[in-house]
Amino acid sequence: MIGTLESEEFFLNEAGREALLSDMGGRFLTPIKVHLIMESTGKKLVGRAMVSTNLALSCGRCLEEYEFPLSFELNLAAAEILAYEDNGEMVLIEDEQADIMPRIEEEIFSLIPLNPLCSQGCQGLCPFCGINKNVQSCSCEKNDIDPRWQKLKELKME
């Protein structure tokens, strides 16, 4: 029962679900580590979790895999099913157990950049020959103006 708990500390070390990142070509390099402290307010539990893990993501420019460390703080609230109000943020307690991993996975997924980059200075792939310009340079023609736009280049600004 919630009313009898004042404060409790939990430590989790759980492997991440590969299906969470597989559609974006990512994967977990390390388990998800969680340090959670929960306190009772009488009707519900509130807590703070420190979460960390390392992901492998594919760079959006050069397509190389790189390590993406994640470390964040997450506020949680939990209530027994009988006291549950549908606000979308509450973790449900059933038979004195609560599964917080879906909420943690949701936060991990939201922290992954839409266009992950191995570095801000990543030069990406050459659009002509396809080599990784971070590793070597190419001799492809740099003047890549589409001939249909050539007339615009000839216009002069006054």
Protein backbone atom coordinates (compact mmCIF):
# COMPACT_ATOMS: atom_id res chain seq x y z
CA MET A 1 0.00 0.00 0.00
CA ILE A 2 1.21 3.50 -0.81
CA GLY A 3 0.39 5.01 2.57
CA THR A 4 2.94 2.80 4.40
CA LEU A 5 5.95 3.73 2.24
CA GLU A 6 7.84 6.91 3.11
CA SER A 7 10.91 6.73 0.89
CA GLU A 8 12.67 3.94 -0.93
CA GLU A 9 15.66 3.72 -3.25
CA PHE A 10 15.92 1.38 -6.24
CA PHE A 11 18.72 0.49 -8.65
CA LEU A 12 18.02 -1.08 -12.04
CA ASN A 13 20.47 -2.29 -14.65
CA GLU A 14 18.44 -3.59 -17.57
CA ALA A 15 19.24 -4.32 -21.20
CA GLY A 16 17.44 -2.01 -23.61
CA ARG A 17 14.93 -3.48 -26.03
CA GLU A 18 16.58 -3.59 -29.45
CA ALA A 19 13.19 -3.16 -31.13
CA LEU A 20 13.02 0.38 -29.70
CA LEU A 21 15.91 1.57 -31.90
CA SER A 22 15.97 -0.94 -34.76
CA ASP A 23 13.81 1.12 -37.16
CA MET A 24 16.33 3.97 -37.05
CA GLY A 25 19.35 1.69 -37.33
CA GLY A 26 20.38 2.20 -33.70
CA ARG A 27 21.17 -0.17 -30.88
CA PHE A 28 22.03 -0.18 -27.19
CA LEU A 29 25.75 -0.41 -26.42
CA THR A 30 25.30 -0.59 -22.64
CA PRO A 31 22.43 -1.55 -20.35
CA ILE A 32 20.03 1.12 -19.12
CA LYS A 33 21.11 2.10 -15.61
CA VAL A 34 18.49 3.65 -13.34
CA HIS A 35 18.86 5.08 -9.84
CA LEU A 36 15.36 5.79 -8.54
CA ILE A 37 14.19 7.36 -5.28
CA MET A 38 10.44 7.19 -4.63
CA GLU A 39 8.58 9.02 -1.84
CA SER A 40 4.98 8.72 -0.70
CA THR A 41 2.62 11.69 -0.64
CA GLY A 42 -0.13 9.56 0.89
CA LYS A 43 -2.20 8.90 -2.24
CA LYS A 44 0.57 8.45 -4.79
CA LEU A 45 4.31 7.96 -5.11
CA VAL A 46 6.54 10.60 -6.63
CA GLY A 47 10.13 10.07 -7.53
CA ARG A 48 13.17 11.09 -9.42
CA ALA A 49 15.21 8.74 -11.58
CA MET A 50 18.72 9.27 -12.89
CA VAL A 51 19.02 7.29 -16.13
CA SER A 52 22.08 6.59 -18.27
CA THR A 53 22.96 4.41 -21.24
CA ASN A 54 25.04 4.50 -24.44
CA LEU A 55 23.50 4.09 -27.88
CA ALA A 56 25.01 3.38 -31.27
CA LEU A 57 23.44 5.62 -33.90
CA SER A 58 24.07 6.09 -37.60
CA CYS A 59 25.23 9.58 -38.65
CA GLY A 60 22.77 11.35 -40.93
CA ARG A 61 25.58 12.78 -43.12
CA CYS A 62 28.33 10.15 -43.41
CA LEU A 63 26.27 7.08 -42.41
CA GLU A 64 29.02 5.89 -40.02
CA GLU A 65 28.00 4.42 -36.69
CA TYR A 66 28.97 6.46 -33.62
CA GLU A 67 28.43 6.32 -29.87
CA PHE A 68 25.70 8.55 -28.42
CA PRO A 69 25.84 8.73 -24.60
CA LEU A 70 22.59 9.55 -22.82
CA SER A 71 22.22 10.70 -19.23
CA PHE A 72 19.06 12.37 -17.97
CA GLU A 73 16.83 12.93 -14.98
CA LEU A 74 13.22 11.82 -15.08
CA ASN A 75 10.41 12.72 -12.66
CA LEU A 76 7.93 9.91 -12.08
CA ALA A 77 4.57 9.60 -10.39
CA ALA A 78 2.88 6.31 -9.56
CA ALA A 79 -0.53 5.42 -8.18
CA GLU A 80 -2.45 2.25 -7.47
CA ILE A 81 -4.96 1.31 -10.12
CA LEU A 82 -7.85 2.23 -7.79
CA ALA A 83 -6.52 5.81 -7.47
CA TYR A 84 -5.58 6.20 -11.10
CA GLU A 85 -6.58 9.36 -12.95
CA ASP A 86 -6.03 9.34 -16.71
CA ASN A 87 -3.43 12.06 -17.28
CA GLY A 88 -1.06 9.95 -19.39
CA GLU A 89 1.93 10.54 -17.08
CA MET A 90 1.07 8.21 -14.20
CA VAL A 91 2.74 4.82 -13.79
CA LEU A 92 0.26 2.25 -12.49
CA ILE A 93 0.96 0.10 -9.44
CA GLU A 94 -0.62 -3.34 -9.55
CA ASP A 95 0.06 -6.00 -6.93
CA GLU A 96 2.61 -3.63 -5.33
CA GLN A 97 4.70 -3.51 -8.54
CA ALA A 98 5.12 -0.82 -11.20
CA ASP A 99 6.79 -1.10 -14.59
CA ILE A 100 8.71 2.15 -15.20
CA MET A 101 10.62 0.93 -18.27
CA PRO A 102 7.99 2.06 -20.82
CA ARG A 103 8.24 5.62 -19.44
CA ILE A 104 12.06 5.47 -19.51
CA GLU A 105 12.07 4.09 -23.08
CA GLU A 106 9.72 6.89 -24.15
CA GLU A 107 12.15 9.47 -22.76
CA ILE A 108 15.17 7.79 -24.40
CA PHE A 109 13.38 7.79 -27.74
CA SER A 110 12.44 11.48 -27.39
CA LEU A 111 16.08 12.47 -26.69
CA ILE A 112 17.47 10.95 -29.89
CA PRO A 113 18.06 13.73 -32.45
CA LEU A 114 15.93 13.68 -35.60
CA ASN A 115 19.11 13.92 -37.69
CA PRO A 116 21.88 12.36 -35.60
CA LEU A 117 25.40 13.60 -36.44
CA CYS A 118 28.69 12.00 -35.45
CA SER A 119 30.04 15.58 -35.07
CA GLN A 120 28.90 19.09 -35.97
CA GLY A 121 31.75 19.32 -38.48
CA CYS A 122 30.87 16.08 -40.29
CA GLN A 123 31.43 16.59 -44.02
CA GLY A 124 29.24 13.68 -45.08
CA LEU A 125 29.46 11.72 -48.30
CA CYS A 126 30.45 13.09 -51.70
CA PRO A 127 27.24 13.29 -53.77
CA PHE A 128 29.14 12.20 -56.89
CA CYS A 129 31.48 9.36 -55.90
CA GLY A 130 30.07 8.50 -52.46
CA ILE A 131 33.30 8.53 -50.44
CA ASN A 132 33.25 9.64 -46.82
CA LYS A 133 34.76 13.14 -46.97
CA ASN A 134 35.77 12.87 -43.29
CA VAL A 135 38.21 10.09 -44.21
CA GLN A 136 39.55 11.15 -47.58
CA SER A 137 39.06 13.83 -50.20
CA CYS A 138 37.96 13.31 -53.75
CA SER A 139 38.61 15.04 -57.06
CA CYS A 140 34.98 15.29 -58.09
CA GLU A 141 33.97 18.54 -59.76
CA LYS A 142 32.95 21.08 -57.12
CA ASN A 143 30.86 23.11 -59.59
CA ASP A 144 27.70 21.11 -59.24
CA ILE A 145 25.25 23.68 -60.65
CA ASP A 146 22.32 22.14 -62.42
CA PRO A 147 22.44 23.38 -66.06
CA ARG A 148 18.78 24.38 -65.80
CA TRP A 149 19.79 27.03 -63.21
CA GLN A 150 22.87 28.32 -65.06
CA LYS A 151 21.04 31.43 -66.32
CA LEU A 152 20.32 32.52 -62.74
CA LYS A 153 24.06 32.45 -62.00
CA GLU A 154 24.63 34.89 -64.85
CA LEU A 155 22.25 37.48 -63.36
CA LYS A 156 23.94 40.32 -61.50
CA MET A 157 22.62 41.94 -58.36
CA GLU A 158 22.42 45.76 -58.54
